Amino acid sequence: MPHTKISLLAGRAWVVGSLGSAAALRAADGVDLLQVCDIAEIRLDLLQADGVAAQREHWRHLAGIPLLFTARRMDEGGASDLDAAQRSDLLHAALEDAAFLDVEVASLATMPEILAEAARRGVPWIASFHDFEKLPDSAVLAAVAQQARVAGAAAFKVAARLHSLTEVVRLAEFQLSTQGLPVATMGMGVLAPVSRLLCAQCGSVLNYGYLGDTPTAPGQWDCGLLKQAISRLAPWRGHAVRHP
């Protein structure tokens, strides 16, 4: 089925509904999904862990919904220890139906073929970065963002565990900074829910919630609730707060 195009440059906080299991994918209804998210993420690594092959028949019923396909590496939250070749194969199987792919910045050197094929087919990809322990220094995030930009990513996504209100603010400050490509930021952990709203208000282009019963990251919102909450936010484009 032809994939649906969606632009990340429109200044809109798009809501991504992440399908965290094969059961959630089977139960998803295309009409209902459009009420709770703008993009549906299909985690191919999670399907693989459930013993479900990456085949069109498993998402054919979602025709008309922009689909983001992810095959996550294990050290960044993947469901099983898939090597770069296996993850590339999973993404390649979904490429014809993809509005977006997600490839970690850490995988750029080991997955050039799938990125080249995506570029050839005009499928944009999200360069992602995850830290389940801490929020890295902003200079580190900026350096990784530049790797993503140089590699040709359509957007740079950061998800990191937050331990303090100061870190919530710092993540929002990074969202407000200029990196030369669209940026999506979100926290994980106890402070994740509030951080995801703040980052959306500060311009995060992709904002993830879960579909079904299982979050795919710590502290993730239910997707429908997230979409409702974001719809009530007024965009804020002010300058980042500077601390001494």
C-alpha atoms as a PDB file:
ATOM      1  CA  MET A   1       0.000   0.000   0.000  1.00  0.00           C
ATOM      2  CA  PRO A   2       1.347   3.473  -0.761  1.00  0.00           C
ATOM      3  CA  HIS A   3       2.650   5.235   2.309  1.00  0.00           C
ATOM      4  CA  THR A   4       1.144   8.498   3.473  1.00  0.00           C
ATOM      5  CA  LYS A   5       3.375  11.578   3.352  1.00  0.00           C
ATOM      6  CA  ILE A   6       3.606  13.910   6.319  1.00  0.00           C
ATOM      7  CA  SER A   7       5.840  16.944   6.749  1.00  0.00           C
ATOM      8  CA  LEU A   8       7.844  17.630   9.900  1.00  0.00           C
ATOM      9  CA  LEU A   9       8.492  21.214   8.853  1.00  0.00           C
ATOM     10  CA  ALA A  10       4.984  22.555   9.393  1.00  0.00           C
ATOM     11  CA  GLY A  11       5.600  23.698  12.974  1.00  0.00           C
ATOM     12  CA  ARG A  12       3.111  21.194  14.347  1.00  0.00           C
ATOM     13  CA  ALA A  13       3.510  18.860  17.328  1.00  0.00           C
ATOM     14  CA  TRP A  14       2.673  15.528  15.693  1.00  0.00           C
ATOM     15  CA  VAL A  15       1.529  12.736  18.015  1.00  0.00           C
ATOM     16  CA  VAL A  16       3.001   9.286  17.437  1.00  0.00           C
ATOM     17  CA  GLY A  17       1.130   6.272  18.744  1.00  0.00           C
ATOM     18  CA  SER A  18       3.517   3.413  19.460  1.00  0.00           C
ATOM     19  CA  LEU A  19       2.161  -0.111  19.064  1.00  0.00           C
ATOM     20  CA  GLY A  20       4.048  -2.075  21.704  1.00  0.00           C
ATOM     21  CA  SER A  21       3.040  -5.623  20.827  1.00  0.00           C
ATOM     22  CA  ALA A  22       1.698  -7.857  18.098  1.00  0.00           C
ATOM     23  CA  ALA A  23      -1.602  -8.016  19.978  1.00  0.00           C
ATOM     24  CA  ALA A  24      -1.883  -4.215  19.987  1.00  0.00           C
ATOM     25  CA  LEU A  25      -1.174  -4.123  16.268  1.00  0.00           C
ATOM     26  CA  ARG A  26      -3.808  -6.756  15.520  1.00  0.00           C
ATOM     27  CA  ALA A  27      -6.386  -4.935  17.622  1.00  0.00           C
ATOM     28  CA  ALA A  28      -5.684  -1.512  16.125  1.00  0.00           C
ATOM     29  CA  ASP A  29      -8.475  -0.020  14.063  1.00  0.00           C
ATOM     30  CA  GLY A  30      -7.447   2.457  11.395  1.00  0.00           C
ATOM     31  CA  VAL A  31     -10.434   4.750  11.873  1.00  0.00           C
ATOM     32  CA  ASP A  32     -10.051   4.824  15.658  1.00  0.00           C
ATOM     33  CA  LEU A  33      -6.297   5.422  15.472  1.00  0.00           C
ATOM     34  CA  LEU A  34      -6.794   8.640  13.559  1.00  0.00           C
ATOM     35  CA  GLN A  35      -8.692   9.978  16.563  1.00  0.00           C
ATOM     36  CA  VAL A  36      -5.787   9.451  18.969  1.00  0.00           C
ATOM     37  CA  CYS A  37      -2.620   9.908  16.914  1.00  0.00           C
ATOM     38  CA  ASP A  38      -1.235  11.381  13.709  1.00  0.00           C
ATOM     39  CA  ILE A  39       1.377   8.683  13.044  1.00  0.00           C
ATOM     40  CA  ALA A  40       1.443   5.036  14.129  1.00  0.00           C
ATOM     41  CA  GLU A  41       4.797   3.532  15.090  1.00  0.00           C
ATOM     42  CA  ILE A  42       5.222  -0.179  14.431  1.00  0.00           C
ATOM     43  CA  ARG A  43       8.084  -1.626  16.465  1.00  0.00           C
ATOM     44  CA  LEU A  44       9.398  -4.401  14.262  1.00  0.00           C
ATOM     45  CA  ASP A  45      11.776  -5.582  16.988  1.00  0.00           C
ATOM     46  CA  LEU A  46       8.798  -6.105  19.301  1.00  0.00           C
ATOM     47  CA  LEU A  47       6.928  -8.024  16.612  1.00  0.00           C
ATOM     48  CA  GLN A  48      10.009 -10.179  16.136  1.00  0.00           C
ATOM     49  CA  ALA A  49      10.110 -10.848  19.893  1.00  0.00           C
ATOM     50  CA  ASP A  50       6.442 -11.906  19.679  1.00  0.00           C
ATOM     51  CA  GLY A  51       7.286 -14.323  16.869  1.00  0.00           C
ATOM     52  CA  VAL A  52       5.550 -12.215  14.206  1.00  0.00           C
ATOM     53  CA  ALA A  53       7.319 -11.654  10.894  1.00  0.00           C
ATOM     54  CA  ALA A  54       7.704  -8.201   9.365  1.00  0.00           C
ATOM     55  CA  GLN A  55       5.107  -8.669   6.635  1.00  0.00           C
ATOM     56  CA  ARG A  56       2.561  -6.317   5.110  1.00  0.00           C
ATOM     57  CA  GLU A  57      -0.342  -8.563   6.053  1.00  0.00           C
ATOM     58  CA  HIS A  58       0.173  -7.581   9.701  1.00  0.00           C
ATOM     59  CA  TRP A  59      -0.388  -3.850   9.122  1.00  0.00           C
ATOM     60  CA  ARG A  60      -2.456  -3.849   5.921  1.00  0.00           C
ATOM     61  CA  HIS A  61      -5.540  -2.869   7.963  1.00  0.00           C
ATOM     62  CA  LEU A  62      -3.862   0.466   8.811  1.00  0.00           C
ATOM     63  CA  ALA A  63      -3.896   1.706   5.216  1.00  0.00           C
ATOM     64  CA  GLY A  64      -4.157   5.486   5.078  1.00  0.00           C
ATOM     65  CA  ILE A  65      -2.370   6.082   8.399  1.00  0.00           C
ATOM     66  CA  PRO A  66       1.230   7.360   8.229  1.00  0.00           C
ATOM     67  CA  LEU A  67       3.389   4.509   9.516  1.00  0.00           C
ATOM     68  CA  LEU A  68       6.731   4.880  11.266  1.00  0.00           C
ATOM     69  CA  PHE A  69       8.743   1.661  11.331  1.00  0.00           C
ATOM     70  CA  THR A  70      11.351   1.065  14.004  1.00  0.00           C
ATOM     71  CA  ALA A  71      13.714  -1.872  14.535  1.00  0.00           C
ATOM     72  CA  ARG A  72      15.357  -0.837  17.780  1.00  0.00           C
ATOM     73  CA  ARG A  73      18.821  -1.982  18.837  1.00  0.00           C
ATOM     74  CA  MET A  74      18.906  -3.645  22.230  1.00  0.00           C
ATOM     75  CA  ASP A  75      21.132  -1.125  24.028  1.00  0.00           C
ATOM     76  CA  GLU A  76      18.663   1.635  23.115  1.00  0.00           C
ATOM     77  CA  GLY A  77      15.537  -0.177  24.239  1.00  0.00           C
ATOM     78  CA  GLY A  78      15.152  -2.967  21.699  1.00  0.00           C
ATOM     79  CA  ALA A  79      13.225  -6.115  22.566  1.00  0.00           C
ATOM     80  CA  SER A  80      15.941  -8.556  21.517  1.00  0.00           C
ATOM     81  CA  ASP A  81      19.582  -8.572  20.530  1.00  0.00           C
ATOM     82  CA  LEU A  82      19.249  -8.063  16.780  1.00  0.00           C
ATOM     83  CA  ASP A  83      22.372  -7.142  14.862  1.00  0.00           C
ATOM     84  CA  ALA A  84      22.520  -4.359  12.291  1.00  0.00           C
ATOM     85  CA  ALA A  85      21.908  -6.712   9.362  1.00  0.00           C
ATOM     86  CA  GLN A  86      18.808  -8.202  10.998  1.00  0.00           C
ATOM     87  CA  ARG A  87      17.397  -4.779  11.812  1.00  0.00           C
ATOM     88  CA  SER A  88      18.092  -3.584   8.280  1.00  0.00           C
ATOM     89  CA  ASP A  89      16.236  -6.589   6.901  1.00  0.00           C
ATOM     90  CA  LEU A  90      13.222  -5.823   9.104  1.00  0.00           C
ATOM     91  CA  LEU A  91      13.127  -2.211   7.965  1.00  0.00           C
ATOM     92  CA  HIS A  92      13.591  -3.189   4.321  1.00  0.00           C
ATOM     93  CA  ALA A  93      10.554  -5.494   4.553  1.00  0.00           C
ATOM     94  CA  ALA A  94       8.438  -2.498   5.633  1.00  0.00           C
ATOM     95  CA  LEU A  95       9.976   0.145   3.407  1.00  0.00           C
ATOM     96  CA  GLU A  96       7.265   0.151   0.767  1.00  0.00           C
ATOM     97  CA  ASP A  97       4.641   1.089   3.374  1.00  0.00           C
ATOM     98  CA  ALA A  98       6.737   3.485   5.430  1.00  0.00           C
ATOM     99  CA  ALA A  99       6.055   7.177   5.875  1.00  0.00           C
ATOM    100  CA  PHE A 100       9.184   7.214   8.091  1.00  0.00           C
ATOM    101  CA  LEU A 101      11.907   4.924   9.362  1.00  0.00           C
ATOM    102  CA  ASP A 102      13.680   5.250  12.702  1.00  0.00           C
ATOM    103  CA  VAL A 103      17.406   4.496  12.845  1.00  0.00           C
ATOM    104  CA  GLU A 104      19.585   5.261  15.865  1.00  0.00           C
ATOM    105  CA  VAL A 105      22.484   7.645  15.401  1.00  0.00           C
ATOM    106  CA  ALA A 106      24.640   4.897  16.912  1.00  0.00           C
ATOM    107  CA  SER A 107      23.643   2.639  13.995  1.00  0.00           C
ATOM    108  CA  LEU A 108      24.457   5.029  11.142  1.00  0.00           C
ATOM    109  CA  ALA A 109      27.838   3.447  10.416  1.00  0.00           C
ATOM    110  CA  THR A 110      26.474  -0.103  10.407  1.00  0.00           C
ATOM    111  CA  MET A 111      23.220   0.426   8.472  1.00  0.00           C
ATOM    112  CA  PRO A 112      24.174   2.557   5.451  1.00  0.00           C
ATOM    113  CA  GLU A 113      22.394   0.339   2.935  1.00  0.00           C
ATOM    114  CA  ILE A 114      18.904   0.787   4.379  1.00  0.00           C
ATOM    115  CA  LEU A 115      19.448   4.549   4.650  1.00  0.00           C
ATOM    116  CA  ALA A 116      20.569   4.690   1.033  1.00  0.00           C
ATOM    117  CA  GLU A 117      17.552   2.655  -0.076  1.00  0.00           C
ATOM    118  CA  ALA A 118      15.215   4.875   1.943  1.00  0.00           C
ATOM    119  CA  ALA A 119      16.738   7.945   0.285  1.00  0.00           C
ATOM    120  CA  ARG A 120      16.345   6.351  -3.147  1.00  0.00           C
ATOM    121  CA  ARG A 121      12.643   5.752  -2.465  1.00  0.00           C
ATOM    122  CA  GLY A 122      12.088   9.163  -0.901  1.00  0.00           C
ATOM    123  CA  VAL A 123      11.305   7.801   2.563  1.00  0.00           C
ATOM    124  CA  PRO A 124      12.545  10.166   5.311  1.00  0.00           C
ATOM    125  CA  TRP A 125      14.125   8.760   8.446  1.00  0.00           C
ATOM    126  CA  ILE A 126      14.327   9.820  12.077  1.00  0.00           C
ATOM    127  CA  ALA A 127      17.751   9.711  13.738  1.00  0.00           C
ATOM    128  CA  SER A 128      17.130   8.642  17.321  1.00  0.00           C
ATOM    129  CA  PHE A 129      19.175   8.755  20.512  1.00  0.00           C
ATOM    130  CA  HIS A 130      18.193   7.143  23.824  1.00  0.00           C
ATOM    131  CA  ASP A 131      19.740   7.229  27.281  1.00  0.00           C
ATOM    132  CA  PHE A 132      17.839   5.203  29.868  1.00  0.00           C
ATOM    133  CA  GLU A 133      20.109   6.299  32.719  1.00  0.00           C
ATOM    134  CA  LYS A 134      20.530  10.074  32.441  1.00  0.00           C
ATOM    135  CA  LEU A 135      20.144  13.237  30.412  1.00  0.00           C
ATOM    136  CA  PRO A 136      23.498  13.833  28.684  1.00  0.00           C
ATOM    137  CA  ASP A 137      25.089  17.280  28.629  1.00  0.00           C
ATOM    138  CA  SER A 138      23.480  19.606  26.111  1.00  0.00           C
ATOM    139  CA  ALA A 139      26.792  19.852  24.231  1.00  0.00           C
ATOM    140  CA  VAL A 140      26.707  16.076  23.768  1.00  0.00           C
ATOM    141  CA  LEU A 141      23.139  16.214  22.451  1.00  0.00           C
ATOM    142  CA  ALA A 142      24.088  19.013  20.054  1.00  0.00           C
ATOM    143  CA  ALA A 143      27.026  16.995  18.727  1.00  0.00           C
ATOM    144  CA  VAL A 144      24.800  13.966  18.131  1.00  0.00           C
ATOM    145  CA  ALA A 145      22.212  16.185  16.450  1.00  0.00           C
ATOM    146  CA  GLN A 146      24.859  17.396  14.040  1.00  0.00           C
ATOM    147  CA  GLN A 147      25.767  13.797  13.207  1.00  0.00           C
ATOM    148  CA  ALA A 148      22.125  13.239  12.350  1.00  0.00           C
ATOM    149  CA  ARG A 149      21.928  16.396  10.247  1.00  0.00           C
ATOM    150  CA  VAL A 150      25.067  15.588   8.260  1.00  0.00           C
ATOM    151  CA  ALA A 151      23.817  12.052   7.641  1.00  0.00           C
ATOM    152  CA  GLY A 152      20.607  13.400   6.095  1.00  0.00           C
ATOM    153  CA  ALA A 153      18.038  12.689   8.801  1.00  0.00           C
ATOM    154  CA  ALA A 154      14.615  14.315   8.524  1.00  0.00           C
ATOM    155  CA  ALA A 155      14.571  14.891  12.291  1.00  0.00           C
ATOM    156  CA  PHE A 156      16.580  14.181  15.422  1.00  0.00           C
ATOM    157  CA  LYS A 157      14.848  12.448  18.331  1.00  0.00           C
ATOM    158  CA  VAL A 158      16.133  12.449  21.920  1.00  0.00           C
ATOM    159  CA  ALA A 159      14.645  10.351  24.726  1.00  0.00           C
ATOM    160  CA  ALA A 160      16.465  10.439  28.067  1.00  0.00           C
ATOM    161  CA  ARG A 161      15.754   9.658  31.713  1.00  0.00           C
ATOM    162  CA  LEU A 162      15.228  12.749  33.837  1.00  0.00           C
ATOM    163  CA  HIS A 163      16.087  12.983  37.534  1.00  0.00           C
ATOM    164  CA  SER A 164      15.293  16.594  38.442  1.00  0.00           C
ATOM    165  CA  LEU A 165      13.226  19.607  37.490  1.00  0.00           C
ATOM    166  CA  THR A 166      16.440  21.260  36.331  1.00  0.00           C
ATOM    167  CA  GLU A 167      16.850  18.508  33.776  1.00  0.00           C
ATOM    168  CA  VAL A 168      13.255  18.959  32.592  1.00  0.00           C
ATOM    169  CA  VAL A 169      14.078  22.601  31.905  1.00  0.00           C
ATOM    170  CA  ARG A 170      17.386  21.726  30.254  1.00  0.00           C
ATOM    171  CA  LEU A 171      15.699  19.282  27.891  1.00  0.00           C
ATOM    172  CA  ALA A 172      13.166  21.973  26.967  1.00  0.00           C
ATOM    173  CA  GLU A 173      16.031  24.429  26.426  1.00  0.00           C
ATOM    174  CA  PHE A 174      17.623  21.980  24.026  1.00  0.00           C
ATOM    175  CA  GLN A 175      14.312  21.725  22.188  1.00  0.00           C
ATOM    176  CA  LEU A 176      14.292  25.495  21.804  1.00  0.00           C
ATOM    177  CA  SER A 177      17.845  25.567  20.460  1.00  0.00           C
ATOM    178  CA  THR A 178      18.640  25.611  16.750  1.00  0.00           C
ATOM    179  CA  GLN A 179      20.210  22.404  15.442  1.00  0.00           C
ATOM    180  CA  GLY A 180      19.688  22.757  11.691  1.00  0.00           C
ATOM    181  CA  LEU A 181      16.956  20.109  11.494  1.00  0.00           C
ATOM    182  CA  PRO A 182      13.635  19.416  13.231  1.00  0.00           C
ATOM    183  CA  VAL A 183      14.038  18.067  16.771  1.00  0.00           C
ATOM    184  CA  ALA A 184      11.864  15.826  18.932  1.00  0.00           C
ATOM    185  CA  THR A 185      12.580  15.636  22.664  1.00  0.00           C
ATOM    186  CA  MET A 186      11.010  13.630  25.468  1.00  0.00           C
ATOM    187  CA  GLY A 187      11.872  12.517  28.963  1.00  0.00           C
ATOM    188  CA  MET A 188      11.625   9.075  30.511  1.00  0.00           C
ATOM    189  CA  GLY A 189      10.919   8.107  34.107  1.00  0.00           C
ATOM    190  CA  VAL A 190       8.807   9.792  36.789  1.00  0.00           C
ATOM    191  CA  LEU A 191       9.170  13.231  35.209  1.00  0.00           C
ATOM    192  CA  ALA A 192       8.436  11.968  31.700  1.00  0.00           C
ATOM    193  CA  PRO A 193       4.756  13.002  31.462  1.00  0.00           C
ATOM    194  CA  VAL A 194       5.290  16.665  32.318  1.00  0.00           C
ATOM    195  CA  SER A 195       8.450  16.828  30.198  1.00  0.00           C
ATOM    196  CA  ARG A 196       6.629  15.513  27.163  1.00  0.00           C
ATOM    197  CA  LEU A 197       4.013  18.220  27.380  1.00  0.00           C
ATOM    198  CA  LEU A 198       6.600  20.953  27.934  1.00  0.00           C
ATOM    199  CA  CYS A 199       8.760  19.747  25.052  1.00  0.00           C
ATOM    200  CA  ALA A 200       5.714  19.575  22.778  1.00  0.00           C
ATOM    201  CA  GLN A 201       4.847  23.141  23.729  1.00  0.00           C
ATOM    202  CA  CYS A 202       8.432  24.163  22.932  1.00  0.00           C
ATOM    203  CA  GLY A 203       8.238  22.688  19.442  1.00  0.00           C
ATOM    204  CA  SER A 204       8.966  18.956  19.612  1.00  0.00           C
ATOM    205  CA  VAL A 205       7.884  17.699  16.194  1.00  0.00           C
ATOM    206  CA  LEU A 206       7.221  14.100  17.277  1.00  0.00           C
ATOM    207  CA  ASN A 207       5.558  13.268  20.587  1.00  0.00           C
ATOM    208  CA  TYR A 208       5.171   9.624  21.519  1.00  0.00           C
ATOM    209  CA  GLY A 209       2.415   7.881  23.449  1.00  0.00           C
ATOM    210  CA  TYR A 210       1.476   4.226  23.597  1.00  0.00           C
ATOM    211  CA  LEU A 211      -1.370   2.399  21.873  1.00  0.00           C
ATOM    212  CA  GLY A 212      -2.849  -0.680  23.510  1.00  0.00           C
ATOM    213  CA  ASP A 213      -1.951  -1.659  27.060  1.00  0.00           C
ATOM    214  CA  THR A 214       1.852  -1.510  27.077  1.00  0.00           C
ATOM    215  CA  PRO A 215       4.061   1.602  27.142  1.00  0.00           C
ATOM    216  CA  THR A 216       7.162   1.308  24.955  1.00  0.00           C
ATOM    217  CA  ALA A 217       9.189   3.684  27.171  1.00  0.00           C
ATOM    218  CA  PRO A 218       9.168   4.513  30.904  1.00  0.00           C
ATOM    219  CA  GLY A 219       6.670   7.240  31.762  1.00  0.00           C
ATOM    220  CA  GLN A 220       4.978   7.299  28.359  1.00  0.00           C
ATOM    221  CA  TRP A 221       1.460   8.754  28.132  1.00  0.00           C
ATOM    222  CA  ASP A 222      -1.526   6.865  26.823  1.00  0.00           C
ATOM    223  CA  CYS A 223      -1.632   8.164  23.266  1.00  0.00           C
ATOM    224  CA  GLY A 224      -5.204   9.423  23.325  1.00  0.00           C
ATOM    225  CA  LEU A 225      -4.613  11.371  26.533  1.00  0.00           C
ATOM    226  CA  LEU A 226      -1.395  12.805  25.129  1.00  0.00           C
ATOM    227  CA  LYS A 227      -3.112  14.012  21.975  1.00  0.00           C
ATOM    228  CA  GLN A 228      -5.875  15.661  23.999  1.00  0.00           C
ATOM    229  CA  ALA A 229      -3.375  17.367  26.299  1.00  0.00           C
ATOM    230  CA  ILE A 230      -1.188  18.631  23.456  1.00  0.00           C
ATOM    231  CA  SER A 231      -4.247  19.982  21.651  1.00  0.00           C
ATOM    232  CA  ARG A 232      -4.830  22.291  24.619  1.00  0.00           C
ATOM    233  CA  LEU A 233      -1.308  23.731  24.628  1.00  0.00           C
ATOM    234  CA  ALA A 234      -0.469  27.057  23.049  1.00  0.00           C
ATOM    235  CA  PRO A 235       2.881  26.833  21.198  1.00  0.00           C
ATOM    236  CA  TRP A 236       5.673  28.641  23.015  1.00  0.00           C
ATOM    237  CA  ARG A 237       8.607  29.905  20.964  1.00  0.00           C
ATOM    238  CA  GLY A 238      10.303  32.056  23.594  1.00  0.00           C
ATOM    239  CA  HIS A 239      13.993  32.042  24.373  1.00  0.00           C
ATOM    240  CA  ALA A 240      15.411  29.283  26.511  1.00  0.00           C
ATOM    241  CA  VAL A 241      15.955  30.132  30.163  1.00  0.00           C
ATOM    242  CA  ARG A 242      19.592  30.738  31.023  1.00  0.00           C
ATOM    243  CA  HIS A 243      20.909  29.669  34.388  1.00  0.00           C
ATOM    244  CA  PRO A 244      24.112  30.987  36.007  1.00  0.00           C
END
